[in-house]
C-alpha atoms as a PDB file:
ATOM      1  CA  MET A   1      59.178-230.009 -22.252  1.00  0.00           C
ATOM      2  CA  ALA A   2      55.644-229.215 -21.171  1.00  0.00           C
ATOM      3  CA  PRO A   3      55.137-225.899 -19.377  1.00  0.00           C
ATOM      4  CA  VAL A   4      54.692-226.117 -15.616  1.00  0.00           C
ATOM      5  CA  THR A   5      51.374-224.633 -14.537  1.00  0.00           C
ATOM      6  CA  PRO A   6      49.908-224.130 -11.064  1.00  0.00           C
ATOM      7  CA  GLY A   7      47.811-227.270 -11.603  1.00  0.00           C
ATOM      8  CA  HIS A   8      50.946-229.283 -12.311  1.00  0.00           C
ATOM      9  CA  LEU A   9      52.633-227.887  -9.226  1.00  0.00           C
ATOM     10  CA  GLU A  10      49.640-228.882  -7.097  1.00  0.00           C
ATOM     11  CA  VAL A  11      49.702-232.444  -8.436  1.00  0.00           C
ATOM     12  CA  GLN A  12      53.464-232.586  -7.911  1.00  0.00           C
ATOM     13  CA  GLU A  13      53.092-231.441  -4.301  1.00  0.00           C
ATOM     14  CA  ASN A  14      50.329-233.981  -3.693  1.00  0.00           C
ATOM     15  CA  VAL A  15      52.505-236.781  -5.088  1.00  0.00           C
ATOM     16  CA  LYS A  16      55.327-235.706  -2.786  1.00  0.00           C
ATOM     17  CA  ASN A  17      52.893-235.931   0.139  1.00  0.00           C
ATOM     18  CA  VAL A  18      51.887-239.443  -0.906  1.00  0.00           C
ATOM     19  CA  ILE A  19      55.530-240.501  -1.039  1.00  0.00           C
ATOM     20  CA  GLN A  20      56.100-239.058   2.424  1.00  0.00           C
ATOM     21  CA  ASP A  21      53.000-240.828   3.751  1.00  0.00           C
ATOM     22  CA  LEU A  22      54.155-244.121   2.226  1.00  0.00           C
ATOM     23  CA  PHE A  23      57.491-243.669   3.958  1.00  0.00           C
ATOM     24  CA  GLN A  24      55.684-243.088   7.264  1.00  0.00           C
ATOM     25  CA  VAL A  25      53.596-246.242   6.761  1.00  0.00           C
ATOM     26  CA  MET A  26      56.751-248.209   5.939  1.00  0.00           C
ATOM     27  CA  ALA A  27      58.396-246.969   9.136  1.00  0.00           C
ATOM     28  CA  GLN A  28      55.314-247.874  11.201  1.00  0.00           C
ATOM     29  CA  VAL A  29      55.113-251.344   9.646  1.00  0.00           C
ATOM     30  CA  SER A  30      58.782-252.078  10.252  1.00  0.00           C
ATOM     31  CA  ASN A  31      58.472-251.001  13.925  1.00  0.00           C
ATOM     32  CA  TYR A  32      55.064-252.575  14.466  1.00  0.00           C
ATOM     33  CA  ASP A  33      54.535-254.202  17.823  1.00  0.00           C
ATOM     34  CA  SER A  34      51.465-256.443  17.676  1.00  0.00           C
ATOM     35  CA  ALA A  35      51.053-256.353  21.430  1.00  0.00           C
ATOM     36  CA  GLY A  36      51.559-252.605  21.779  1.00  0.00           C
ATOM     37  CA  ARG A  37      48.533-250.397  21.464  1.00  0.00           C
ATOM     38  CA  PRO A  38      50.330-247.163  20.430  1.00  0.00           C
ATOM     39  CA  SER A  39      51.865-248.665  17.262  1.00  0.00           C
ATOM     40  CA  LYS A  40      48.482-249.983  16.091  1.00  0.00           C
ATOM     41  CA  GLU A  41      46.858-246.541  16.438  1.00  0.00           C
ATOM     42  CA  ALA A  42      49.834-244.820  14.818  1.00  0.00           C
ATOM     43  CA  LEU A  43      49.688-247.204  11.851  1.00  0.00           C
ATOM     44  CA  ALA A  44      45.926-246.649  11.503  1.00  0.00           C
ATOM     45  CA  ASN A  45      46.449-242.854  11.551  1.00  0.00           C
ATOM     46  CA  ASP A  46      49.215-243.060   8.939  1.00  0.00           C
ATOM     47  CA  LEU A  47      47.028-245.222   6.683  1.00  0.00           C
ATOM     48  CA  GLN A  48      44.180-242.693   6.950  1.00  0.00           C
ATOM     49  CA  THR A  49      46.606-239.879   6.114  1.00  0.00           C
ATOM     50  CA  LEU A  50      47.835-241.884   3.110  1.00  0.00           C
ATOM     51  CA  ASP A  51      44.240-242.416   1.997  1.00  0.00           C
ATOM     52  CA  LYS A  52      43.574-238.650   2.168  1.00  0.00           C
ATOM     53  CA  SER A  53      46.786-237.903   0.250  1.00  0.00           C
ATOM     54  CA  LEU A  54      45.900-240.368  -2.498  1.00  0.00           C
ATOM     55  CA  LEU A  55      42.421-238.874  -2.769  1.00  0.00           C
ATOM     56  CA  SER A  56      43.989-235.424  -3.045  1.00  0.00           C
ATOM     57  CA  VAL A  57      46.260-236.588  -5.896  1.00  0.00           C
ATOM     58  CA  TYR A  58      43.315-238.160  -7.675  1.00  0.00           C
ATOM     59  CA  ARG A  59      41.183-235.006  -7.415  1.00  0.00           C
ATOM     60  CA  SER A  60      43.913-232.586  -8.455  1.00  0.00           C
ATOM     61  CA  ALA A  61      44.965-234.795 -11.383  1.00  0.00           C
ATOM     62  CA  ALA A  62      41.339-235.131 -12.514  1.00  0.00           C
ATOM     63  CA  THR A  63      40.892-231.358 -12.318  1.00  0.00           C
ATOM     64  CA  LEU A  64      44.091-230.823 -14.275  1.00  0.00           C
ATOM     65  CA  GLN A  65      42.997-233.241 -16.979  1.00  0.00           C
ATOM     66  CA  GLN A  66      39.530-231.652 -17.259  1.00  0.00           C
ATOM     67  CA  HIS A  67      40.925-228.157 -17.720  1.00  0.00           C
ATOM     68  CA  GLY A  68      43.922-229.123 -19.840  1.00  0.00           C
ATOM     69  CA  ASN A  69      47.446-227.996 -19.204  1.00  0.00           C
ATOM     70  CA  GLY A  70      47.659-224.760 -21.128  1.00  0.00           C
ATOM     71  CA  GLY A  71      44.097-223.685 -21.679  1.00  0.00           C
ATOM     72  CA  ASP A  72      44.202-225.051 -25.223  1.00  0.00           C
ATOM     73  CA  GLY A  73      41.566-227.705 -24.584  1.00  0.00           C
ATOM     74  CA  THR A  74      43.948-230.641 -24.667  1.00  0.00           C
ATOM     75  CA  ASN A  75      43.975-233.208 -21.923  1.00  0.00           C
ATOM     76  CA  GLY A  76      47.206-233.518 -20.040  1.00  0.00           C
ATOM     77  CA  PRO A  77      50.607-232.346 -21.229  1.00  0.00           C
ATOM     78  CA  GLY A  78      51.467-232.340 -24.924  1.00  0.00           C
ATOM     79  CA  ILE A  79      53.090-235.769 -24.985  1.00  0.00           C
ATOM     80  CA  PRO A  80      52.541-237.789 -28.156  1.00  0.00           C
ATOM     81  CA  GLU A  81      50.517-240.969 -27.627  1.00  0.00           C
ATOM     82  CA  PRO A  82      53.122-243.156 -29.409  1.00  0.00           C
ATOM     83  CA  LEU A  83      55.762-241.927 -26.943  1.00  0.00           C
ATOM     84  CA  ILE A  84      53.553-242.846 -23.986  1.00  0.00           C
ATOM     85  CA  GLN A  85      53.017-246.337 -25.427  1.00  0.00           C
ATOM     86  CA  TYR A  86      56.744-246.624 -26.107  1.00  0.00           C
ATOM     87  CA  VAL A  87      57.592-245.879 -22.467  1.00  0.00           C
ATOM     88  CA  GLU A  88      54.791-248.103 -21.154  1.00  0.00           C
ATOM     89  CA  ASN A  89      56.354-250.972 -23.099  1.00  0.00           C
ATOM     90  CA  GLY A  90      59.564-250.422 -21.134  1.00  0.00           C
ATOM     91  CA  ARG A  91      61.577-248.724 -23.851  1.00  0.00           C
ATOM     92  CA  ASN A  92      63.828-245.701 -23.542  1.00  0.00           C
ATOM     93  CA  PRO A  93      62.185-242.407 -24.594  1.00  0.00           C
ATOM     94  CA  ASP A  94      65.559-241.107 -25.816  1.00  0.00           C
ATOM     95  CA  ILE A  95      65.574-243.865 -28.449  1.00  0.00           C
ATOM     96  CA  TYR A  96      62.069-242.827 -29.551  1.00  0.00           C
ATOM     97  CA  THR A  97      63.227-239.219 -29.828  1.00  0.00           C
ATOM     98  CA  ARG A  98      66.297-240.195 -31.849  1.00  0.00           C
ATOM     99  CA  GLU A  99      64.205-242.346 -34.218  1.00  0.00           C
ATOM    100  CA  PHE A 100      61.674-239.520 -34.599  1.00  0.00           C
ATOM    101  CA  VAL A 101      64.412-236.995 -35.430  1.00  0.00           C
ATOM    102  CA  GLU A 102      65.905-239.392 -38.004  1.00  0.00           C
ATOM    103  CA  LEU A 103      62.474-239.886 -39.585  1.00  0.00           C
ATOM    104  CA  VAL A 104      61.892-236.130 -39.785  1.00  0.00           C
ATOM    105  CA  ARG A 105      65.349-235.649 -41.291  1.00  0.00           C
ATOM    106  CA  ARG A 106      64.642-238.293 -43.972  1.00  0.00           C
ATOM    107  CA  LEU A 107      61.264-236.726 -44.788  1.00  0.00           C
ATOM    108  CA  ASN A 108      62.847-233.269 -45.000  1.00  0.00           C
ATOM    109  CA  GLN A 109      65.511-234.576 -47.372  1.00  0.00           C
ATOM    110  CA  LEU A 110      62.807-236.159 -49.516  1.00  0.00           C
ATOM    111  CA  ALA A 111      60.789-232.929 -49.581  1.00  0.00           C
ATOM    112  CA  ARG A 112      63.920-230.927 -50.413  1.00  0.00           C
ATOM    113  CA  GLY A 113      64.718-233.290 -53.287  1.00  0.00           C
ATOM    114  CA  LYS A 114      61.204-232.887 -54.640  1.00  0.00           C
ATOM    115  CA  MET A 115      61.477-229.096 -54.397  1.00  0.00           C
ATOM    116  CA  HIS A 116      64.725-229.120 -56.361  1.00  0.00           C
ATOM    117  CA  ALA A 117      63.279-231.505 -58.948  1.00  0.00           C
ATOM    118  CA  PHE A 118      60.232-229.286 -59.479  1.00  0.00           C
ATOM    119  CA  ARG A 119      62.451-226.191 -59.672  1.00  0.00           C
ATOM    120  CA  ASP A 120      64.603-227.823 -62.332  1.00  0.00           C
ATOM    121  CA  PHE A 121      61.501-229.035 -64.181  1.00  0.00           C
ATOM    122  CA  ARG A 122      60.069-225.493 -64.091  1.00  0.00           C
ATOM    123  CA  ASP A 123      63.265-224.113 -65.582  1.00  0.00           C
ATOM    124  CA  VAL A 124      63.502-226.756 -68.320  1.00  0.00           C
ATOM    125  CA  LEU A 125      59.804-226.344 -69.159  1.00  0.00           C
ATOM    126  CA  ALA A 126      60.209-222.556 -69.357  1.00  0.00           C
ATOM    127  CA  HIS A 127      63.198-222.923 -71.659  1.00  0.00           C
ATOM    128  CA  GLU A 128      61.403-225.378 -73.937  1.00  0.00           C
ATOM    129  CA  MET A 129      58.232-223.241 -74.021  1.00  0.00           C
ATOM    130  CA  ASP A 130      60.336-220.219 -74.928  1.00  0.00           C
ATOM    131  CA  ALA A 131      61.989-222.140 -77.742  1.00  0.00           C
ATOM    132  CA  ALA A 132      58.697-223.556 -79.058  1.00  0.00           C
ATOM    133  CA  MET A 133      56.454-220.487 -78.544  1.00  0.00           C
ATOM    134  CA  PRO A 134      58.450-217.227 -78.544  1.00  0.00           C
ATOM    135  CA  GLU A 135      55.217-215.198 -78.418  1.00  0.00           C
ATOM    136  CA  LEU A 136      54.702-216.395 -74.809  1.00  0.00           C
ATOM    137  CA  ARG A 137      58.164-215.298 -73.663  1.00  0.00           C
ATOM    138  CA  GLU A 138      56.874-212.535 -71.352  1.00  0.00           C
ATOM    139  CA  ASP A 139      54.195-214.775 -69.799  1.00  0.00           C
ATOM    140  CA  VAL A 140      56.739-217.531 -69.205  1.00  0.00           C
ATOM    141  CA  ARG A 141      59.167-215.038 -67.630  1.00  0.00           C
ATOM    142  CA  ARG A 142      56.450-213.723 -65.258  1.00  0.00           C
ATOM    143  CA  THR A 143      55.437-217.267 -64.331  1.00  0.00           C
ATOM    144  CA  VAL A 144      59.027-218.273 -63.606  1.00  0.00           C
ATOM    145  CA  GLU A 145      59.515-215.186 -61.419  1.00  0.00           C
ATOM    146  CA  ALA A 146      56.199-215.769 -59.611  1.00  0.00           C
ATOM    147  CA  THR A 147      57.208-219.326 -58.763  1.00  0.00           C
ATOM    148  CA  GLY A 148      60.546-218.343 -57.243  1.00  0.00           C
ATOM    149  CA  GLY A 149      62.685-218.481 -60.359  1.00  0.00           C
ATOM    150  CA  PRO A 150      65.469-216.091 -61.275  1.00  0.00           C
ATOM    151  CA  GLY A 151      64.549-212.426 -60.932  1.00  0.00           C
ATOM    152  CA  PRO A 152      64.248-209.835 -63.676  1.00  0.00           C
ATOM    153  CA  GLY A 153      67.992-209.095 -63.661  1.00  0.00           C
ATOM    154  CA  VAL A 154      68.823-212.640 -64.808  1.00  0.00           C
ATOM    155  CA  ALA A 155      68.381-213.491 -68.438  1.00  0.00           C
ATOM    156  CA  VAL A 156      66.612-216.826 -68.289  1.00  0.00           C
ATOM    157  CA  ILE A 157      64.580-217.096 -71.425  1.00  0.00           C
ATOM    158  CA  GLY A 158      66.525-217.635 -74.604  1.00  0.00           C
ATOM    159  CA  THR A 159      69.920-217.976 -72.883  1.00  0.00           C
ATOM    160  CA  GLY A 160      69.430-221.386 -71.282  1.00  0.00           C
ATOM    161  CA  ILE A 161      67.687-221.916 -67.998  1.00  0.00           C
ATOM    162  CA  GLY A 162      70.349-224.347 -66.829  1.00  0.00           C
ATOM    163  CA  ALA A 163      72.989-221.642 -67.084  1.00  0.00           C
ATOM    164  CA  ALA A 164      71.027-219.364 -64.735  1.00  0.00           C
ATOM    165  CA  THR A 165      70.492-222.009 -62.031  1.00  0.00           C
ATOM    166  CA  GLY A 166      73.714-223.933 -62.452  1.00  0.00           C
ATOM    167  CA  THR A 167      71.965-227.056 -63.733  1.00  0.00           C
ATOM    168  CA  GLN A 168      71.406-228.674 -67.083  1.00  0.00           C
ATOM    169  CA  GLY A 169      68.063-229.970 -68.201  1.00  0.00           C
ATOM    170  CA  ALA A 170      67.462-233.689 -68.502  1.00  0.00           C
ATOM    171  CA  GLY A 171      69.020-235.005 -71.699  1.00  0.00           C
ATOM    172  CA  GLN A 172      70.596-231.679 -72.617  1.00  0.00           C
ATOM    173  CA  SER A 173      74.227-231.115 -73.348  1.00  0.00           C
ATOM    174  CA  GLY A 174      76.332-228.102 -72.371  1.00  0.00           C
ATOM    175  CA  GLY A 175      75.501-225.922 -75.409  1.00  0.00           C
ATOM    176  CA  VAL A 176      71.953-224.865 -74.508  1.00  0.00           C
END
Protein backbone atom coordinates (compact mmCIF):
# COMPACT_ATOMS: atom_id res chain seq x y z
CA MET A 1 0.00 0.00 0.00
CA ALA A 2 1.27 3.46 -0.85
CA PRO A 3 2.38 5.61 2.08
CA VAL A 4 -0.05 8.34 3.12
CA THR A 5 1.56 11.77 2.91
CA PRO A 6 0.21 15.19 3.85
CA GLY A 7 -0.52 15.81 0.15
CA HIS A 8 -2.63 12.66 0.01
CA LEU A 9 -4.49 13.67 3.14
CA GLU A 10 -5.26 17.08 1.62
CA VAL A 11 -6.63 15.50 -1.56
CA GLN A 12 -8.65 13.03 0.52
CA GLU A 13 -10.15 15.86 2.58
CA ASN A 14 -10.98 17.82 -0.58
CA VAL A 15 -12.72 14.79 -2.08
CA LYS A 16 -14.75 14.40 1.10
CA ASN A 17 -15.79 18.05 0.77
CA VAL A 18 -16.88 17.46 -2.83
CA ILE A 19 -18.98 14.49 -1.75
CA GLN A 20 -20.60 16.58 0.97
CA ASP A 21 -21.28 19.40 -1.50
CA LEU A 22 -22.82 16.95 -3.97
CA PHE A 23 -25.07 15.69 -1.21
CA GLN A 24 -26.13 19.28 -0.45
CA VAL A 25 -26.89 19.90 -4.14
CA MET A 26 -28.91 16.67 -4.28
CA ALA A 27 -30.92 17.76 -1.25
CA GLN A 28 -31.55 21.21 -2.77
CA VAL A 29 -32.62 19.70 -6.10
CA SER A 30 -35.01 17.25 -4.49
CA ASN A 31 -36.63 20.06 -2.43
CA TYR A 32 -36.54 22.63 -5.21
CA ASP A 33 -39.54 24.90 -5.44
CA SER A 34 -39.55 26.65 -8.82
CA ALA A 35 -41.80 29.40 -7.53
CA GLY A 36 -39.89 29.96 -4.29
CA ARG A 37 -37.04 32.40 -4.33
CA PRO A 38 -35.09 31.00 -1.33
CA SER A 39 -34.59 27.54 -2.87
CA LYS A 40 -33.22 29.03 -6.10
CA GLU A 41 -30.62 31.09 -4.22
CA ALA A 42 -29.72 28.17 -1.96
CA LEU A 43 -29.20 25.91 -4.98
CA ALA A 44 -27.04 28.56 -6.68
CA ASN A 45 -24.92 28.92 -3.51
CA ASP A 46 -24.50 25.14 -3.21
CA LEU A 47 -23.44 24.89 -6.86
CA GLN A 48 -20.84 27.64 -6.35
CA THR A 49 -19.55 25.83 -3.26
CA LEU A 50 -19.35 22.60 -5.28
CA ASP A 51 -17.44 24.43 -8.00
CA LYS A 52 -14.91 25.74 -5.44
CA SER A 53 -14.53 22.26 -3.91
CA LEU A 54 -13.90 20.68 -7.30
CA LEU A 55 -11.32 23.35 -8.11
CA SER A 56 -9.64 22.65 -4.77
CA VAL A 57 -9.45 18.91 -5.54
CA TYR A 58 -8.02 19.64 -8.97
CA ARG A 59 -5.33 21.97 -7.61
CA SER A 60 -4.28 19.73 -4.73
CA ALA A 61 -4.17 16.64 -6.97
CA ALA A 62 -2.12 18.53 -9.57
CA THR A 63 0.30 19.69 -6.87
CA LEU A 64 0.58 16.16 -5.53
CA GLN A 65 1.31 14.76 -8.97
CA GLN A 66 3.94 17.43 -9.71
CA HIS A 67 5.84 16.76 -6.50
CA GLY A 68 5.37 12.99 -6.46
CA ASN A 69 4.18 11.01 -3.50
CA GLY A 70 7.38 10.21 -1.67
CA GLY A 71 9.91 12.68 -2.95
CA ASP A 72 11.34 10.05 -5.29
CA GLY A 73 10.37 11.92 -8.45
CA THR A 74 7.59 9.56 -9.45
CA ASN A 75 4.17 10.84 -10.33
CA GLY A 76 1.38 9.62 -8.13
CA PRO A 77 1.47 6.55 -5.91
CA GLY A 78 3.54 3.52 -6.86
CA ILE A 79 0.76 1.65 -8.63
CA PRO A 80 1.81 -0.38 -11.66
CA GLU A 81 0.32 0.86 -14.94
CA PRO A 82 -0.97 -2.62 -15.90
CA LEU A 83 -2.93 -2.75 -12.63
CA ILE A 84 -4.52 0.63 -13.36
CA GLN A 85 -5.53 -0.56 -16.84
CA TYR A 86 -6.83 -3.80 -15.35
CA VAL A 87 -9.11 -1.93 -12.95
CA GLU A 88 -10.19 0.57 -15.61
CA ASN A 89 -11.36 -2.38 -17.70
CA GLY A 90 -13.66 -3.37 -14.84
CA ARG A 91 -11.65 -6.30 -13.53
CA ASN A 92 -10.91 -7.20 -9.93
CA PRO A 93 -7.47 -6.05 -8.71
CA ASP A 94 -7.27 -9.09 -6.41
CA ILE A 95 -7.27 -11.32 -9.50
CA TYR A 96 -4.42 -9.26 -10.98
CA THR A 97 -2.47 -9.62 -7.74
CA ARG A 98 -3.04 -13.38 -7.64
CA GLU A 99 -1.95 -13.77 -11.28
CA PHE A 100 1.13 -11.62 -10.62
CA VAL A 101 2.11 -13.71 -7.58
CA GLU A 102 1.67 -16.93 -9.59
CA LEU A 103 3.85 -15.51 -12.38
CA VAL A 104 6.57 -14.51 -9.92
CA ARG A 105 6.41 -17.95 -8.31
CA ARG A 106 6.82 -19.66 -11.71
CA LEU A 107 9.75 -17.41 -12.62
CA ASN A 108 11.39 -18.07 -9.25
CA GLN A 109 11.01 -21.81 -9.74
CA LEU A 110 12.57 -21.50 -13.19
CA ALA A 111 15.48 -19.45 -11.83
CA ARG A 112 15.96 -21.93 -8.98
CA GLY A 113 16.04 -24.82 -11.45
CA LYS A 114 18.66 -23.03 -13.52
CA MET A 115 20.75 -22.37 -10.41
CA HIS A 116 20.67 -26.05 -9.46
CA ALA A 117 21.49 -27.10 -13.02
CA PHE A 118 24.50 -24.78 -13.15
CA ARG A 119 25.63 -25.97 -9.71
CA ASP A 120 25.46 -29.58 -10.83
CA PHE A 121 27.22 -28.72 -14.09
CA ARG A 122 29.98 -26.94 -12.13
CA ASP A 123 30.48 -30.01 -9.97
CA VAL A 124 30.53 -32.46 -12.89
CA LEU A 125 32.89 -30.19 -14.86
CA ALA A 126 35.22 -29.91 -11.85
CA HIS A 127 35.25 -33.68 -11.43
CA GLU A 128 35.97 -34.29 -15.11
CA MET A 129 38.69 -31.61 -15.20
CA ASP A 130 40.29 -33.18 -12.14
CA ALA A 131 40.25 -36.59 -13.80
CA ALA A 132 41.61 -35.27 -17.12
CA MET A 133 44.13 -32.71 -15.78
CA PRO A 134 45.33 -33.58 -12.26
CA GLU A 135 47.88 -30.73 -12.38
CA LEU A 136 44.97 -28.23 -12.18
CA ARG A 137 43.45 -29.84 -9.08
CA GLU A 138 44.20 -26.88 -6.78
CA ASP A 139 42.90 -24.31 -9.30
CA VAL A 140 39.72 -26.32 -9.81
CA ARG A 141 39.22 -26.62 -6.04
CA ARG A 142 39.62 -22.83 -5.57
CA THR A 143 37.22 -22.15 -8.43
CA VAL A 144 34.61 -24.51 -7.02
CA GLU A 145 34.89 -22.88 -3.59
CA ALA A 146 34.73 -19.37 -5.09
CA THR A 147 31.53 -20.23 -6.93
CA GLY A 148 29.74 -21.52 -3.84
CA GLY A 149 30.81 -25.15 -4.01
CA PRO A 150 31.73 -27.35 -1.08
CA GLY A 151 34.18 -25.76 1.35
CA PRO A 152 37.74 -26.84 2.10
CA GLY A 153 36.62 -29.45 4.65
CA VAL A 154 34.81 -31.47 1.96
CA ALA A 155 36.85 -33.66 -0.31
CA VAL A 156 35.41 -32.88 -3.72
CA ILE A 157 38.16 -33.46 -6.19
CA GLY A 158 39.09 -37.06 -6.79
CA THR A 159 36.32 -38.51 -4.60
CA GLY A 160 33.34 -37.75 -6.83
CA ILE A 161 31.58 -34.43 -6.89
CA GLY A 162 28.18 -36.09 -6.88
CA ALA A 163 28.93 -37.70 -3.54
CA ALA A 164 29.63 -34.31 -1.95
CA THR A 165 26.42 -32.65 -3.20
CA GLY A 166 24.14 -35.66 -3.12
CA THR A 167 23.77 -35.78 -6.90
CA GLN A 168 25.20 -37.84 -9.70
CA GLY A 169 26.52 -36.34 -12.88
CA ALA A 170 24.65 -36.79 -16.13
CA GLY A 171 25.28 -40.26 -17.53
CA GLN A 172 27.30 -41.40 -14.53
CA SER A 173 26.61 -44.45 -12.46
CA GLY A 174 26.96 -44.80 -8.69
CA GLY A 175 30.67 -45.75 -8.64
CA VAL A 176 32.23 -42.35 -9.37
